[in-house]
Amino acid sequence: MAAIGSLVFCTDCGSLLEANTGRKAQILCDVCGTYNRDSSSKVMVTTSKPSAFPSTLRMKLRSDVREVSEAEKQIDASIKETCAKCGCEEVRYYTQQLRSADEGSTVFYTCPQCGNKWNTNN
């Protein structure tokens, strides 16, 4: 008898055997009349290595990752916006989602000359 998952097949004719509800040690094949040992109650655990199922995306992410030092990090960008306090024409900004997902993000501005800070909701 051969078992695949919880399915049990006859070793002589290959027919699918009835489920063993009485938990007998042997199951009778209705097609050929052969008694087969019940092995459907066996638990089989399999494991595989991560490399067994290669992923193009996983490989791409691994190859594109690079270390960035604190000095190289840039958390904000520049934009042509006039500072209301000193009149500087280029300020730094970054955005952050503070409200629910269906609402716009909040833009935080900082003037590099005078340090003035303000924000707007999009």
Protein backbone atom coordinates (compact mmCIF):
# COMPACT_ATOMS: atom_id res chain seq x y z
CA MET A 1 0.00 0.00 0.00
CA ALA A 2 1.19 3.50 -0.77
CA ALA A 3 0.06 6.67 0.99
CA ILE A 4 0.16 10.17 -0.43
CA GLY A 5 -0.94 12.65 2.21
CA SER A 6 -4.11 11.17 3.66
CA LEU A 7 -4.89 9.15 0.49
CA VAL A 8 -4.12 5.43 0.60
CA PHE A 9 -3.62 3.32 -2.55
CA CYS A 10 -3.58 -0.46 -3.06
CA THR A 11 -0.09 -1.85 -3.61
CA ASP A 12 -1.34 -4.49 -6.08
CA CYS A 13 -3.75 -2.62 -8.38
CA GLY A 14 -3.15 1.04 -7.43
CA SER A 15 -6.82 1.75 -6.64
CA LEU A 16 -7.74 4.42 -4.14
CA LEU A 17 -8.77 2.69 -0.92
CA GLU A 18 -11.73 3.67 1.25
CA ALA A 19 -10.95 5.69 4.33
CA ASN A 20 -10.37 3.49 7.36
CA THR A 21 -13.05 4.69 9.79
CA GLY A 22 -12.67 1.81 12.25
CA ARG A 23 -8.91 2.33 12.56
CA LYS A 24 -8.18 -1.29 11.63
CA ALA A 25 -4.60 -2.27 10.87
CA GLN A 26 -5.54 -3.40 7.35
CA ILE A 27 -7.83 -2.09 4.61
CA LEU A 28 -9.49 -4.37 2.05
CA CYS A 29 -9.24 -3.28 -1.59
CA ASP A 30 -12.72 -3.45 -3.20
CA VAL A 31 -11.22 -3.92 -6.70
CA CYS A 32 -8.69 -6.74 -6.29
CA GLY A 33 -9.48 -8.06 -2.78
CA THR A 34 -5.97 -7.51 -1.40
CA TYR A 35 -5.51 -6.54 2.24
CA ASN A 36 -3.30 -3.46 2.61
CA ARG A 37 -1.64 -2.11 5.72
CA ASP A 38 -3.16 1.23 6.81
CA SER A 39 -0.47 3.91 6.88
CA SER A 40 -2.71 6.94 6.44
CA SER A 41 -2.39 7.95 10.08
CA LYS A 42 1.35 8.57 9.74
CA VAL A 43 2.47 12.14 10.08
CA MET A 44 5.17 13.24 7.68
CA VAL A 45 7.08 16.48 8.20
CA THR A 46 9.25 17.87 5.44
CA THR A 47 11.59 20.83 5.44
CA SER A 48 13.38 22.58 2.64
CA LYS A 49 16.20 25.04 2.34
CA PRO A 50 15.39 28.62 1.24
CA SER A 51 17.47 27.99 -1.87
CA ALA A 52 15.11 25.14 -2.90
CA PHE A 53 12.59 27.68 -4.20
CA PRO A 54 14.59 30.51 -5.78
CA SER A 55 12.87 33.86 -6.17
CA THR A 56 13.90 36.40 -8.76
CA LEU A 57 12.63 39.20 -6.54
CA ARG A 58 14.54 37.92 -3.49
CA MET A 59 17.76 37.67 -5.51
CA LYS A 60 17.23 41.18 -6.92
CA LEU A 61 16.70 42.65 -3.45
CA ARG A 62 19.82 40.94 -2.11
CA SER A 63 21.94 42.27 -4.97
CA ASP A 64 20.55 45.84 -4.73
CA VAL A 65 21.03 46.27 -0.98
CA ARG A 66 23.94 48.46 0.02
CA GLU A 67 25.09 49.92 3.32
CA VAL A 68 24.51 53.65 3.86
CA SER A 69 26.39 55.57 6.53
CA GLU A 70 24.74 58.20 8.72
CA ALA A 71 26.59 60.91 6.79
CA GLU A 72 25.16 59.67 3.48
CA LYS A 73 21.57 59.57 4.72
CA GLN A 74 19.39 62.34 3.39
CA ILE A 75 15.98 62.44 4.99
CA ASP A 76 14.73 65.54 3.20
CA ALA A 77 14.94 67.15 -0.25
CA SER A 78 15.13 70.70 -1.63
CA ILE A 79 12.28 72.61 -3.24
CA LYS A 80 11.82 76.11 -4.61
CA GLU A 81 9.56 77.51 -1.90
CA THR A 82 9.96 80.92 -0.28
CA CYS A 83 10.51 81.08 3.46
CA ALA A 84 8.00 83.50 5.04
CA LYS A 85 10.46 84.54 7.76
CA CYS A 86 13.68 85.35 5.84
CA GLY A 87 12.69 85.20 2.15
CA CYS A 88 15.07 82.33 1.25
CA GLU A 89 13.88 80.86 -2.07
CA GLU A 90 14.95 77.24 -1.51
CA VAL A 91 13.92 75.19 1.53
CA ARG A 92 14.28 71.57 2.65
CA TYR A 93 11.21 69.33 3.02
CA TYR A 94 10.01 65.82 3.78
CA THR A 95 6.58 64.20 3.80
CA GLN A 96 4.93 61.95 6.34
CA GLN A 97 1.57 60.16 6.41
CA LEU A 98 -0.01 61.30 9.68
CA ARG A 99 -3.70 60.96 8.84
CA SER A 100 -5.67 58.04 7.43
CA ALA A 101 -4.54 56.41 4.19
CA ASP A 102 -7.28 57.98 2.07
CA GLU A 103 -6.18 61.50 3.05
CA GLY A 104 -3.12 63.37 1.85
CA SER A 105 0.26 63.40 3.55
CA THR A 106 1.74 66.24 5.62
CA VAL A 107 4.69 68.17 4.17
CA PHE A 108 7.24 69.51 6.67
CA TYR A 109 9.43 72.45 5.53
CA THR A 110 12.69 73.77 7.07
CA CYS A 111 14.57 76.84 5.97
CA PRO A 112 18.33 76.14 5.78
CA GLN A 113 19.22 79.80 6.46
CA CYS A 114 17.07 80.81 9.43
CA GLY A 115 15.83 77.41 10.66
CA ASN A 116 12.15 78.41 10.31
CA LYS A 117 9.86 75.35 10.31
CA TRP A 118 6.28 74.97 9.06
CA ASN A 119 4.03 72.33 7.60
CA THR A 120 1.09 71.94 5.21
CA ASN A 121 -1.48 69.22 4.76
CA ASN A 122 -1.94 67.98 1.19
